[in-house]
């Protein structure tokens, strides 16, 4: 069974299937990459909880930065957040994001109930 949560015309914020939760990309607000990363992470945590999951159950994370020069700043926030011993498989790359003020987008897949 496929369960879609917070579904709109364009996308669902969460899709659950066979014990896996797929989250839509999360962007954050704030002036700096660190601020936006913290906000993204907060949104990811909320969606994981809604899906019956948690950061400890993350399987994969894909992170897009508008500029790879911000890699270290984003990683400082990410590394402080990821539960020790529970780092997901992860990729990070540079991409033009949906709006010019966006600096980071995080996409997570996690095991769920």
PDB file of N, CA and C in Angstrom:
ATOM      1  N   UNK A   1       0.834  -1.179   0.000  1.00  0.00           N
ATOM      2  CA  UNK A   1       0.000   0.000   0.000  1.00  0.00           C
ATOM      3  C   UNK A   1       0.884   1.250   0.000  1.00  0.00           C
ATOM      4  N   UNK A   2       0.485   2.236  -0.749  1.00  0.00           N
ATOM      5  CA  UNK A   2       1.163   3.525  -0.794  1.00  0.00           C
ATOM      6  C   UNK A   2       0.306   4.521  -0.025  1.00  0.00           C
ATOM      7  N   UNK A   3       0.945   5.234   0.923  1.00  0.00           N
ATOM      8  CA  UNK A   3       0.247   6.260   1.694  1.00  0.00           C
ATOM      9  C   UNK A   3       0.887   7.605   1.383  1.00  0.00           C
ATOM     10  N   UNK A   4       0.071   8.553   0.973  1.00  0.00           N
ATOM     11  CA  UNK A   4       0.538   9.899   0.656  1.00  0.00           C
ATOM     12  C   UNK A   4       0.018  10.854   1.724  1.00  0.00           C
ATOM     13  N   UNK A   5       0.905  11.704   2.215  1.00  0.00           N
ATOM     14  CA  UNK A   5       0.536  12.628   3.284  1.00  0.00           C
ATOM     15  C   UNK A   5       0.802  14.062   2.830  1.00  0.00           C
ATOM     16  N   UNK A   6      -0.095  14.956   3.232  1.00  0.00           N
ATOM     17  CA  UNK A   6      -0.008  16.364   2.840  1.00  0.00           C
ATOM     18  C   UNK A   6       0.142  16.480   1.328  1.00  0.00           C
ATOM     19  N   UNK A   7      -0.822  15.902   0.643  1.00  0.00           N
ATOM     20  CA  UNK A   7      -0.805  15.845  -0.817  1.00  0.00           C
ATOM     21  C   UNK A   7      -1.494  17.058  -1.422  1.00  0.00           C
ATOM     22  N   UNK A   8      -0.834  17.663  -2.371  1.00  0.00           N
ATOM     23  CA  UNK A   8      -1.405  18.770  -3.128  1.00  0.00           C
ATOM     24  C   UNK A   8      -1.456  18.396  -4.596  1.00  0.00           C
ATOM     25  N   UNK A   9      -1.744  19.358  -5.430  1.00  0.00           N
ATOM     26  CA  UNK A   9      -1.847  19.111  -6.870  1.00  0.00           C
ATOM     27  C   UNK A   9      -0.503  18.728  -7.477  1.00  0.00           C
ATOM     28  N   UNK A  10       0.597  19.259  -6.923  1.00  0.00           N
ATOM     29  CA  UNK A  10       1.917  19.050  -7.505  1.00  0.00           C
ATOM     30  C   UNK A  10       2.700  17.925  -6.856  1.00  0.00           C
ATOM     31  N   UNK A  11       2.552  17.768  -5.532  1.00  0.00           N
ATOM     32  CA  UNK A  11       3.378  16.791  -4.829  1.00  0.00           C
ATOM     33  C   UNK A  11       2.792  16.461  -3.476  1.00  0.00           C
ATOM     34  N   UNK A  12       3.324  15.410  -2.883  1.00  0.00           N
ATOM     35  CA  UNK A  12       3.037  15.048  -1.499  1.00  0.00           C
ATOM     36  C   UNK A  12       4.282  15.371  -0.693  1.00  0.00           C
ATOM     37  N   UNK A  13       4.094  15.832   0.551  1.00  0.00           N
ATOM     38  CA  UNK A  13       5.257  16.100   1.394  1.00  0.00           C
ATOM     39  C   UNK A  13       5.898  14.801   1.867  1.00  0.00           C
ATOM     40  N   UNK A  14       5.084  13.748   2.031  1.00  0.00           N
ATOM     41  CA  UNK A  14       5.572  12.436   2.467  1.00  0.00           C
ATOM     42  C   UNK A  14       4.870  11.371   1.640  1.00  0.00           C
ATOM     43  N   UNK A  15       5.619  10.399   1.165  1.00  0.00           N
ATOM     44  CA  UNK A  15       5.042   9.202   0.556  1.00  0.00           C
ATOM     45  C   UNK A  15       5.646   8.012   1.283  1.00  0.00           C
ATOM     46  N   UNK A  16       4.778   7.141   1.807  1.00  0.00           N
ATOM     47  CA  UNK A  16       5.235   5.946   2.537  1.00  0.00           C
ATOM     48  C   UNK A  16       4.873   4.704   1.735  1.00  0.00           C
ATOM     49  N   UNK A  17       5.847   3.780   1.680  1.00  0.00           N
ATOM     50  CA  UNK A  17       5.617   2.525   0.963  1.00  0.00           C
ATOM     51  C   UNK A  17       6.586   1.473   1.501  1.00  0.00           C
ATOM     52  N   UNK A  18       6.060   0.320   1.854  1.00  0.00           N
ATOM     53  CA  UNK A  18       6.881  -0.807   2.320  1.00  0.00           C
ATOM     54  C   UNK A  18       7.865  -0.411   3.417  1.00  0.00           C
ATOM     55  N   UNK A  19       7.407   0.356   4.387  1.00  0.00           N
ATOM     56  CA  UNK A  19       8.260   0.699   5.522  1.00  0.00           C
ATOM     57  C   UNK A  19       9.300   1.766   5.256  1.00  0.00           C
ATOM     58  N   UNK A  20       9.136   2.500   4.153  1.00  0.00           N
ATOM     59  CA  UNK A  20      10.063   3.573   3.827  1.00  0.00           C
ATOM     60  C   UNK A  20       9.271   4.866   3.614  1.00  0.00           C
ATOM     61  N   UNK A  21       9.767   5.956   4.187  1.00  0.00           N
ATOM     62  CA  UNK A  21       9.174   7.277   3.993  1.00  0.00           C
ATOM     63  C   UNK A  21      10.077   8.098   3.086  1.00  0.00           C
ATOM     64  N   UNK A  22       9.492   8.643   2.045  1.00  0.00           N
ATOM     65  CA  UNK A  22      10.187   9.506   1.099  1.00  0.00           C
ATOM     66  C   UNK A  22       9.691  10.924   1.341  1.00  0.00           C
ATOM     67  N   UNK A  23      10.582  11.828   1.710  1.00  0.00           N
ATOM     68  CA  UNK A  23      10.195  13.206   1.979  1.00  0.00           C
ATOM     69  C   UNK A  23      10.489  14.078   0.773  1.00  0.00           C
ATOM     70  N   UNK A  24       9.613  15.045   0.542  1.00  0.00           N
ATOM     71  CA  UNK A  24       9.894  16.014  -0.515  1.00  0.00           C
ATOM     72  C   UNK A  24      11.047  16.904  -0.050  1.00  0.00           C
ATOM     73  N   UNK A  25      11.653  17.599  -0.958  1.00  0.00           N
ATOM     74  CA  UNK A  25      12.763  18.476  -0.623  1.00  0.00           C
ATOM     75  C   UNK A  25      12.331  19.585   0.318  1.00  0.00           C
ATOM     76  N   UNK A  26      13.178  19.850   1.297  1.00  0.00           N
ATOM     77  CA  UNK A  26      12.898  20.889   2.282  1.00  0.00           C
ATOM     78  C   UNK A  26      13.878  22.035   2.121  1.00  0.00           C
ATOM     79  N   UNK A  27      13.350  23.228   2.043  1.00  0.00           N
ATOM     80  CA  UNK A  27      14.166  24.431   2.023  1.00  0.00           C
ATOM     81  C   UNK A  27      13.868  25.211   3.295  1.00  0.00           C
ATOM     82  N   UNK A  28      14.765  26.095   3.648  1.00  0.00           N
ATOM     83  CA  UNK A  28      14.583  26.843   4.881  1.00  0.00           C
ATOM     84  C   UNK A  28      14.663  28.331   4.654  1.00  0.00           C
ATOM     85  N   UNK A  29      14.368  29.056   5.703  1.00  0.00           N
ATOM     86  CA  UNK A  29      14.484  30.506   5.638  1.00  0.00           C
ATOM     87  C   UNK A  29      15.696  30.945   6.451  1.00  0.00           C
ATOM     88  N   UNK A  30      16.109  32.161   6.224  1.00  0.00           N
ATOM     89  CA  UNK A  30      17.268  32.704   6.918  1.00  0.00           C
ATOM     90  C   UNK A  30      18.225  33.307   5.916  1.00  0.00           C
ATOM     91  N   UNK A  31      19.126  34.115   6.438  1.00  0.00           N
ATOM     92  CA  UNK A  31      20.084  34.814   5.580  1.00  0.00           C
ATOM     93  C   UNK A  31      21.286  33.964   5.219  1.00  0.00           C
ATOM     94  N   UNK A  32      21.725  33.102   6.141  1.00  0.00           N
ATOM     95  CA  UNK A  32      22.952  32.340   5.918  1.00  0.00           C
ATOM     96  C   UNK A  32      22.644  30.881   5.582  1.00  0.00           C
ATOM     97  N   UNK A  33      23.646  30.213   5.062  1.00  0.00           N
ATOM     98  CA  UNK A  33      23.517  28.776   4.794  1.00  0.00           C
ATOM     99  C   UNK A  33      23.259  28.030   6.099  1.00  0.00           C
ATOM    100  N   UNK A  34      23.932  28.416   7.171  1.00  0.00           N
ATOM    101  CA  UNK A  34      23.733  27.766   8.464  1.00  0.00           C
ATOM    102  C   UNK A  34      22.289  27.937   8.934  1.00  0.00           C
ATOM    103  N   UNK A  35      21.744  29.160   8.819  1.00  0.00           N
ATOM    104  CA  UNK A  35      20.349  29.405   9.214  1.00  0.00           C
ATOM    105  C   UNK A  35      19.394  28.553   8.388  1.00  0.00           C
ATOM    106  N   UNK A  36      19.590  28.544   7.085  1.00  0.00           N
ATOM    107  CA  UNK A  36      18.705  27.780   6.213  1.00  0.00           C
ATOM    108  C   UNK A  36      18.843  26.283   6.466  1.00  0.00           C
ATOM    109  N   UNK A  37      20.052  25.811   6.735  1.00  0.00           N
ATOM    110  CA  UNK A  37      20.254  24.388   7.021  1.00  0.00           C
ATOM    111  C   UNK A  37      19.541  24.003   8.309  1.00  0.00           C
ATOM    112  N   UNK A  38      19.657  24.826   9.350  1.00  0.00           N
ATOM    113  CA  UNK A  38      18.950  24.544  10.611  1.00  0.00           C
ATOM    114  C   UNK A  38      17.440  24.491  10.390  1.00  0.00           C
ATOM    115  N   UNK A  39      16.914  25.415   9.585  1.00  0.00           N
ATOM    116  CA  UNK A  39      15.477  25.433   9.321  1.00  0.00           C
ATOM    117  C   UNK A  39      15.059  24.204   8.508  1.00  0.00           C
ATOM    118  N   UNK A  40      15.857  23.832   7.510  1.00  0.00           N
ATOM    119  CA  UNK A  40      15.574  22.610   6.728  1.00  0.00           C
ATOM    120  C   UNK A  40      15.519  21.401   7.647  1.00  0.00           C
ATOM    121  N   UNK A  41      16.502  21.286   8.518  1.00  0.00           N
ATOM    122  CA  UNK A  41      16.580  20.151   9.432  1.00  0.00           C
ATOM    123  C   UNK A  41      15.364  20.114  10.350  1.00  0.00           C
ATOM    124  N   UNK A  42      14.936  21.258  10.823  1.00  0.00           N
ATOM    125  CA  UNK A  42      13.746  21.321  11.665  1.00  0.00           C
ATOM    126  C   UNK A  42      12.518  20.817  10.907  1.00  0.00           C
ATOM    127  N   UNK A  43      12.403  21.207   9.663  1.00  0.00           N
ATOM    128  CA  UNK A  43      11.276  20.754   8.829  1.00  0.00           C
ATOM    129  C   UNK A  43      11.367  19.251   8.562  1.00  0.00           C
ATOM    130  N   UNK A  44      12.577  18.768   8.286  1.00  0.00           N
ATOM    131  CA  UNK A  44      12.781  17.329   8.078  1.00  0.00           C
ATOM    132  C   UNK A  44      12.367  16.558   9.328  1.00  0.00           C
ATOM    133  N   UNK A  45      12.786  17.027  10.503  1.00  0.00           N
ATOM    134  CA  UNK A  45      12.423  16.352  11.758  1.00  0.00           C
ATOM    135  C   UNK A  45      10.909  16.272  11.920  1.00  0.00           C
ATOM    136  N   UNK A  46      10.203  17.347  11.597  1.00  0.00           N
ATOM    137  CA  UNK A  46       8.750  17.351  11.704  1.00  0.00           C
ATOM    138  C   UNK A  46       8.109  16.347  10.772  1.00  0.00           C
ATOM    139  N   UNK A  47       8.583  16.290   9.531  1.00  0.00           N
ATOM    140  CA  UNK A  47       8.030  15.327   8.573  1.00  0.00           C
ATOM    141  C   UNK A  47       8.373  13.891   8.966  1.00  0.00           C
ATOM    142  N   UNK A  48       9.594  13.673   9.457  1.00  0.00           N
ATOM    143  CA  UNK A  48       9.960  12.324   9.909  1.00  0.00           C
ATOM    144  C   UNK A  48       9.037  11.877  11.036  1.00  0.00           C
ATOM    145  N   UNK A  49       8.782  12.742  11.999  1.00  0.00           N
ATOM    146  CA  UNK A  49       7.879  12.394  13.105  1.00  0.00           C
ATOM    147  C   UNK A  49       6.485  12.091  12.582  1.00  0.00           C
ATOM    148  N   UNK A  50       6.013  12.902  11.658  1.00  0.00           N
ATOM    149  CA  UNK A  50       4.685  12.685  11.070  1.00  0.00           C
ATOM    150  C   UNK A  50       4.615  11.339  10.348  1.00  0.00           C
ATOM    151  N   UNK A  51       5.732  10.925   9.766  1.00  0.00           N
ATOM    152  CA  UNK A  51       5.786   9.656   9.026  1.00  0.00           C
ATOM    153  C   UNK A  51       6.024   8.456   9.935  1.00  0.00           C
ATOM    154  N   UNK A  52       6.224   8.699  11.238  1.00  0.00           N
ATOM    155  CA  UNK A  52       6.525   7.595  12.149  1.00  0.00           C
ATOM    156  C   UNK A  52       7.979   7.193  12.089  1.00  0.00           C
ATOM    157  N   UNK A  53       8.846   8.179  11.893  1.00  0.00           N
ATOM    158  CA  UNK A  53      10.282   7.915  11.783  1.00  0.00           C
ATOM    159  C   UNK A  53      11.042   8.922  12.641  1.00  0.00           C
ATOM    160  N   UNK A  54      12.351   8.946  12.470  1.00  0.00           N
ATOM    161  CA  UNK A  54      13.210   9.841  13.246  1.00  0.00           C
ATOM    162  C   UNK A  54      14.556   9.973  12.534  1.00  0.00           C
ATOM    163  N   UNK A  55      15.377  10.940  12.958  1.00  0.00           N
ATOM    164  CA  UNK A  55      16.700  11.076  12.340  1.00  0.00           C
ATOM    165  C   UNK A  55      17.553   9.806  12.447  1.00  0.00           C
ATOM    166  N   UNK A  56      17.356   9.026  13.496  1.00  0.00           N
ATOM    167  CA  UNK A  56      18.121   7.778  13.653  1.00  0.00           C
ATOM    168  C   UNK A  56      17.761   6.743  12.589  1.00  0.00           C
ATOM    169  N   UNK A  57      16.642   6.934  11.910  1.00  0.00           N
ATOM    170  CA  UNK A  57      16.171   5.959  10.926  1.00  0.00           C
ATOM    171  C   UNK A  57      16.364   6.423   9.480  1.00  0.00           C
ATOM    172  N   UNK A  58      17.121   7.526   9.316  1.00  0.00           N
ATOM    173  CA  UNK A  58      17.373   8.005   7.951  1.00  0.00           C
ATOM    174  C   UNK A  58      18.188   6.983   7.171  1.00  0.00           C
ATOM    175  N   UNK A  59      17.805   6.773   5.945  1.00  0.00           N
ATOM    176  CA  UNK A  59      18.513   5.867   5.048  1.00  0.00           C
ATOM    177  C   UNK A  59      19.400   6.639   4.075  1.00  0.00           C
ATOM    178  N   UNK A  60      18.865   7.737   3.556  1.00  0.00           N
ATOM    179  CA  UNK A  60      19.584   8.499   2.539  1.00  0.00           C
ATOM    180  C   UNK A  60      19.237   9.980   2.670  1.00  0.00           C
ATOM    181  N   UNK A  61      20.196  10.821   2.381  1.00  0.00           N
ATOM    182  CA  UNK A  61      19.966  12.261   2.295  1.00  0.00           C
ATOM    183  C   UNK A  61      20.642  12.786   1.033  1.00  0.00           C
ATOM    184  N   UNK A  62      19.925  13.632   0.335  1.00  0.00           N
ATOM    185  CA  UNK A  62      20.476  14.326  -0.829  1.00  0.00           C
ATOM    186  C   UNK A  62      20.396  15.809  -0.511  1.00  0.00           C
ATOM    187  N   UNK A  63      21.513  16.480  -0.611  1.00  0.00           N
ATOM    188  CA  UNK A  63      21.582  17.891  -0.272  1.00  0.00           C
ATOM    189  C   UNK A  63      22.033  18.674  -1.499  1.00  0.00           C
ATOM    190  N   UNK A  64      21.255  19.694  -1.830  1.00  0.00           N
ATOM    191  CA  UNK A  64      21.612  20.591  -2.917  1.00  0.00           C
ATOM    192  C   UNK A  64      22.003  21.933  -2.328  1.00  0.00           C
ATOM    193  N   UNK A  65      23.128  22.449  -2.747  1.00  0.00           N
ATOM    194  CA  UNK A  65      23.585  23.781  -2.372  1.00  0.00           C
ATOM    195  C   UNK A  65      23.567  24.661  -3.613  1.00  0.00           C
ATOM    196  N   UNK A  66      23.196  25.915  -3.447  1.00  0.00           N
ATOM    197  CA  UNK A  66      23.236  26.823  -4.596  1.00  0.00           C
ATOM    198  C   UNK A  66      24.678  27.163  -4.979  1.00  0.00           C
ATOM    199  N   UNK A  67      25.600  26.975  -4.019  1.00  0.00           N
ATOM    200  CA  UNK A  67      27.018  27.233  -4.283  1.00  0.00           C
ATOM    201  C   UNK A  67      27.858  26.313  -3.393  1.00  0.00           C
ATOM    202  N   UNK A  68      28.707  25.513  -3.987  1.00  0.00           N
ATOM    203  CA  UNK A  68      29.515  24.561  -3.212  1.00  0.00           C
ATOM    204  C   UNK A  68      30.508  25.247  -2.274  1.00  0.00           C
ATOM    205  N   UNK A  69      30.706  26.536  -2.413  1.00  0.00           N
ATOM    206  CA  UNK A  69      31.572  27.240  -1.458  1.00  0.00           C
ATOM    207  C   UNK A  69      30.958  27.206  -0.058  1.00  0.00           C
ATOM    208  N   UNK A  70      29.665  26.903   0.041  1.00  0.00           N
ATOM    209  CA  UNK A  70      28.964  26.840   1.324  1.00  0.00           C
ATOM    210  C   UNK A  70      28.987  25.442   1.954  1.00  0.00           C
ATOM    211  N   UNK A  71      29.727  24.523   1.353  1.00  0.00           N
ATOM    212  CA  UNK A  71      29.768  23.128   1.801  1.00  0.00           C
ATOM    213  C   UNK A  71      30.168  23.006   3.275  1.00  0.00           C
ATOM    214  N   UNK A  72      31.249  23.666   3.680  1.00  0.00           N
ATOM    215  CA  UNK A  72      31.726  23.553   5.064  1.00  0.00           C
ATOM    216  C   UNK A  72      30.721  24.136   6.053  1.00  0.00           C
ATOM    217  N   UNK A  73      30.101  25.261   5.710  1.00  0.00           N
ATOM    218  CA  UNK A  73      29.122  25.889   6.603  1.00  0.00           C
ATOM    219  C   UNK A  73      27.907  24.988   6.793  1.00  0.00           C
ATOM    220  N   UNK A  74      27.416  24.399   5.710  1.00  0.00           N
ATOM    221  CA  UNK A  74      26.285  23.477   5.800  1.00  0.00           C
ATOM    222  C   UNK A  74      26.679  22.241   6.610  1.00  0.00           C
ATOM    223  N   UNK A  75      27.871  21.693   6.339  1.00  0.00           N
ATOM    224  CA  UNK A  75      28.323  20.489   7.043  1.00  0.00           C
ATOM    225  C   UNK A  75      28.460  20.701   8.544  1.00  0.00           C
ATOM    226  N   UNK A  76      28.849  21.883   8.974  1.00  0.00           N
ATOM    227  CA  UNK A  76      28.978  22.151  10.412  1.00  0.00           C
ATOM    228  C   UNK A  76      27.633  21.962  11.115  1.00  0.00           C
ATOM    229  N   UNK A  77      26.562  22.431  10.488  1.00  0.00           N
ATOM    230  CA  UNK A  77      25.212  22.276  11.063  1.00  0.00           C
ATOM    231  C   UNK A  77      24.764  20.824  10.941  1.00  0.00           C
ATOM    232  N   UNK A  78      24.959  20.236   9.775  1.00  0.00           N
ATOM    233  CA  UNK A  78      24.549  18.846   9.525  1.00  0.00           C
ATOM    234  C   UNK A  78      25.234  17.895  10.502  1.00  0.00           C
ATOM    235  N   UNK A  79      26.546  18.022  10.635  1.00  0.00           N
ATOM    236  CA  UNK A  79      27.320  17.109  11.489  1.00  0.00           C
ATOM    237  C   UNK A  79      26.893  17.205  12.950  1.00  0.00           C
ATOM    238  N   UNK A  80      26.530  18.394  13.403  1.00  0.00           N
ATOM    239  CA  UNK A  80      26.073  18.568  14.789  1.00  0.00           C
ATOM    240  C   UNK A  80      24.698  17.953  15.007  1.00  0.00           C
ATOM    241  N   UNK A  81      23.930  17.797  13.937  1.00  0.00           N
ATOM    242  CA  UNK A  81      22.551  17.282  14.036  1.00  0.00           C
ATOM    243  C   UNK A  81      22.457  15.770  13.881  1.00  0.00           C
ATOM    244  N   UNK A  82      23.183  15.177  12.955  1.00  0.00           N
ATOM    245  CA  UNK A  82      23.031  13.745  12.668  1.00  0.00           C
ATOM    246  C   UNK A  82      23.403  12.938  13.910  1.00  0.00           C
ATOM    247  N   UNK A  83      22.501  12.054  14.348  1.00  0.00           N
ATOM    248  CA  UNK A  83      22.790  11.250  15.537  1.00  0.00           C
ATOM    249  C   UNK A  83      24.026  10.373  15.315  1.00  0.00           C
ATOM    250  N   UNK A  84      24.923  10.383  16.281  1.00  0.00           N
ATOM    251  CA  UNK A  84      26.159   9.610  16.166  1.00  0.00           C
ATOM    252  C   UNK A  84      25.850   8.145  15.887  1.00  0.00           C
ATOM    253  N   UNK A  85      26.542   7.604  14.897  1.00  0.00           N
ATOM    254  CA  UNK A  85      26.356   6.210  14.519  1.00  0.00           C
ATOM    255  C   UNK A  85      25.168   5.968  13.606  1.00  0.00           C
ATOM    256  N   UNK A  86      24.450   7.036  13.205  1.00  0.00           N
ATOM    257  CA  UNK A  86      23.251   6.886  12.377  1.00  0.00           C
ATOM    258  C   UNK A  86      23.299   7.741  11.121  1.00  0.00           C
ATOM    259  N   UNK A  87      24.497   8.038  10.640  1.00  0.00           N
ATOM    260  CA  UNK A  87      24.619   8.851   9.432  1.00  0.00           C
ATOM    261  C   UNK A  87      24.027   8.097   8.239  1.00  0.00           C
ATOM    262  N   UNK A  88      23.198   8.772   7.445  1.00  0.00           N
ATOM    263  CA  UNK A  88      22.623   8.114   6.267  1.00  0.00           C
ATOM    264  C   UNK A  88      23.625   8.096   5.110  1.00  0.00           C
ATOM    265  N   UNK A  89      23.329   7.311   4.095  1.00  0.00           N
ATOM    266  CA  UNK A  89      24.049   7.466   2.831  1.00  0.00           C
ATOM    267  C   UNK A  89      23.722   8.885   2.366  1.00  0.00           C
ATOM    268  N   UNK A  90      24.709   9.605   1.840  1.00  0.00           N
ATOM    269  CA  UNK A  90      24.472  11.009   1.535  1.00  0.00           C
ATOM    270  C   UNK A  90      25.195  11.442   0.283  1.00  0.00           C
ATOM    271  N   UNK A  91      24.554  12.331  -0.453  1.00  0.00           N
ATOM    272  CA  UNK A  91      25.179  12.989  -1.593  1.00  0.00           C
ATOM    273  C   UNK A  91      24.931  14.483  -1.445  1.00  0.00           C
ATOM    274  N   UNK A  92      25.861  15.276  -1.937  1.00  0.00           N
ATOM    275  CA  UNK A  92      25.710  16.729  -1.895  1.00  0.00           C
ATOM    276  C   UNK A  92      26.243  17.284  -3.206  1.00  0.00           C
ATOM    277  N   UNK A  93      25.463  18.158  -3.805  1.00  0.00           N
ATOM    278  CA  UNK A  93      25.895  18.759  -5.059  1.00  0.00           C
ATOM    279  C   UNK A  93      25.401  20.183  -5.178  1.00  0.00           C
ATOM    280  N   UNK A  94      25.817  20.824  -6.247  1.00  0.00           N
ATOM    281  CA  UNK A  94      25.425  22.204  -6.514  1.00  0.00           C
ATOM    282  C   UNK A  94      24.333  22.226  -7.563  1.00  0.00           C
ATOM    283  N   UNK A  95      23.315  23.062  -7.329  1.00  0.00           N
ATOM    284  CA  UNK A  95      22.210  23.179  -8.280  1.00  0.00           C
ATOM    285  C   UNK A  95      21.570  24.549  -8.152  1.00  0.00           C
ATOM    286  N   UNK A  96      20.989  25.012  -9.239  1.00  0.00           N
ATOM    287  CA  UNK A  96      20.164  26.213  -9.181  1.00  0.00           C
ATOM    288  C   UNK A  96      18.874  25.812  -8.482  1.00  0.00           C
ATOM    289  N   UNK A  97      18.553  26.464  -7.365  1.00  0.00           N
ATOM    290  CA  UNK A  97      17.360  26.125  -6.601  1.00  0.00           C
ATOM    291  C   UNK A  97      16.172  26.952  -7.100  1.00  0.00           C
ATOM    292  N   UNK A  98      14.984  26.668  -6.581  1.00  0.00           N
ATOM    293  CA  UNK A  98      13.743  27.224  -7.111  1.00  0.00           C
ATOM    294  C   UNK A  98      13.648  28.747  -7.039  1.00  0.00           C
ATOM    295  N   UNK A  99      14.263  29.339  -6.024  1.00  0.00           N
ATOM    296  CA  UNK A  99      14.242  30.796  -5.868  1.00  0.00           C
ATOM    297  C   UNK A  99      15.652  31.279  -5.562  1.00  0.00           C
ATOM    298  N   UNK A 100      16.012  32.478  -6.017  1.00  0.00           N
ATOM    299  CA  UNK A 100      17.390  32.950  -5.855  1.00  0.00           C
ATOM    300  C   UNK A 100      17.858  33.054  -4.403  1.00  0.00           C
ATOM    301  N   UNK A 101      16.952  33.298  -3.454  1.00  0.00           N
ATOM    302  CA  UNK A 101      17.361  33.441  -2.050  1.00  0.00           C
ATOM    303  C   UNK A 101      17.644  32.101  -1.367  1.00  0.00           C
ATOM    304  N   UNK A 102      17.263  31.008  -1.993  1.00  0.00           N
ATOM    305  CA  UNK A 102      17.488  29.678  -1.397  1.00  0.00           C
ATOM    306  C   UNK A 102      18.938  29.266  -1.579  1.00  0.00           C
ATOM    307  N   UNK A 103      19.513  28.747  -0.495  1.00  0.00           N
ATOM    308  CA  UNK A 103      20.917  28.336  -0.501  1.00  0.00           C
ATOM    309  C   UNK A 103      21.086  26.831  -0.316  1.00  0.00           C
ATOM    310  N   UNK A 104      20.073  26.157   0.252  1.00  0.00           N
ATOM    311  CA  UNK A 104      20.187  24.726   0.551  1.00  0.00           C
ATOM    312  C   UNK A 104      18.815  24.065   0.455  1.00  0.00           C
ATOM    313  N   UNK A 105      18.816  22.830  -0.026  1.00  0.00           N
ATOM    314  CA  UNK A 105      17.615  21.995  -0.051  1.00  0.00           C
ATOM    315  C   UNK A 105      18.034  20.594   0.380  1.00  0.00           C
ATOM    316  N   UNK A 106      17.235  19.996   1.265  1.00  0.00           N
ATOM    317  CA  UNK A 106      17.555  18.669   1.801  1.00  0.00           C
ATOM    318  C   UNK A 106      16.401  17.717   1.503  1.00  0.00           C
ATOM    319  N   UNK A 107      16.744  16.566   0.950  1.00  0.00           N
ATOM    320  CA  UNK A 107      15.774  15.513   0.613  1.00  0.00           C
ATOM    321  C   UNK A 107      16.167  14.272   1.393  1.00  0.00           C
ATOM    322  N   UNK A 108      15.219  13.691   2.139  1.00  0.00           N
ATOM    323  CA  UNK A 108      15.524  12.559   3.015  1.00  0.00           C
ATOM    324  C   UNK A 108      14.607  11.382   2.710  1.00  0.00           C
ATOM    325  N   UNK A 109      15.182  10.192   2.795  1.00  0.00           N
ATOM    326  CA  UNK A 109      14.448   8.937   2.756  1.00  0.00           C
ATOM    327  C   UNK A 109      14.762   8.223   4.068  1.00  0.00           C
ATOM    328  N   UNK A 110      13.728   7.653   4.725  1.00  0.00           N
ATOM    329  CA  UNK A 110      13.943   7.034   6.040  1.00  0.00           C
ATOM    330  C   UNK A 110      13.052   5.824   6.226  1.00  0.00           C
ATOM    331  N   UNK A 111      13.506   4.896   7.061  1.00  0.00           N
ATOM    332  CA  UNK A 111      12.661   3.777   7.488  1.00  0.00           C
ATOM    333  C   UNK A 111      11.565   4.337   8.381  1.00  0.00           C
ATOM    334  N   UNK A 112      10.381   3.753   8.305  1.00  0.00           N
ATOM    335  CA  UNK A 112       9.266   4.247   9.108  1.00  0.00           C
ATOM    336  C   UNK A 112       8.407   3.083   9.589  1.00  0.00           C
ATOM    337  N   UNK A 113       7.462   3.422  10.460  1.00  0.00           N
ATOM    338  CA  UNK A 113       6.530   2.414  10.979  1.00  0.00           C
ATOM    339  C   UNK A 113       5.519   2.018   9.934  1.00  0.00           C
TER     340      UNK A 113
END
